[in-house]
Amino acid sequence: MEKIPSIVTLESLLLENLNCPTYKLTTEQQADIQNFIQTSPELLQKITTEINAIKMDGKIDIYDIPSIVQLLIDTYQLYSLDKTFLQSENVLIFIKYAINVIIDSDFVVLPEFEKQIIEKVVNNSIQLLQTTIDKKKISSSFFCCK
């Protein structure tokens, strides 16, 4: 079974890749993410713990997608409520950045087709988290059986 890197390794990995052009982060986003990483060790511990749980069977594959989506949702819900460091949209940028760095690095070894599937799921999940329902547009007659 493959060894899971420690939280220090995850923190280092995320900080080392902030300037990488692949992730297309603005200077402001980089600063926000760096501040968030350095002041939120519990988040890195949660990500590491979740990855360890997902990898209990010795791999990450498409069957783990529900757990990955749940990690995204939990992280967003927890940190979008705390406006101290990041606005809600920046929490989503951090989540996407962290997942992409984890997938792109040796932190988690995945076949290319699984990387593509997980990236699509992450992107779609983030889009869903950004979506809100305008309750004013939903009329009461929508639920009525007339």
Foldseek 3Di string as FASTA:
>chain_A
DDDADDLVVLLCLLLVCLPPVVLVDDPVLSVLLNVCSVVCSVLSVVVSVLVCVCCVVPAHAPVCLVSLLVNLVVQLVVPCVPPPRHHSVSSLSNSLSSVVSCDPDVSHDDDPVRSVVSNVSSVVSSVVVVDDDDVVPDDPVVVDDD
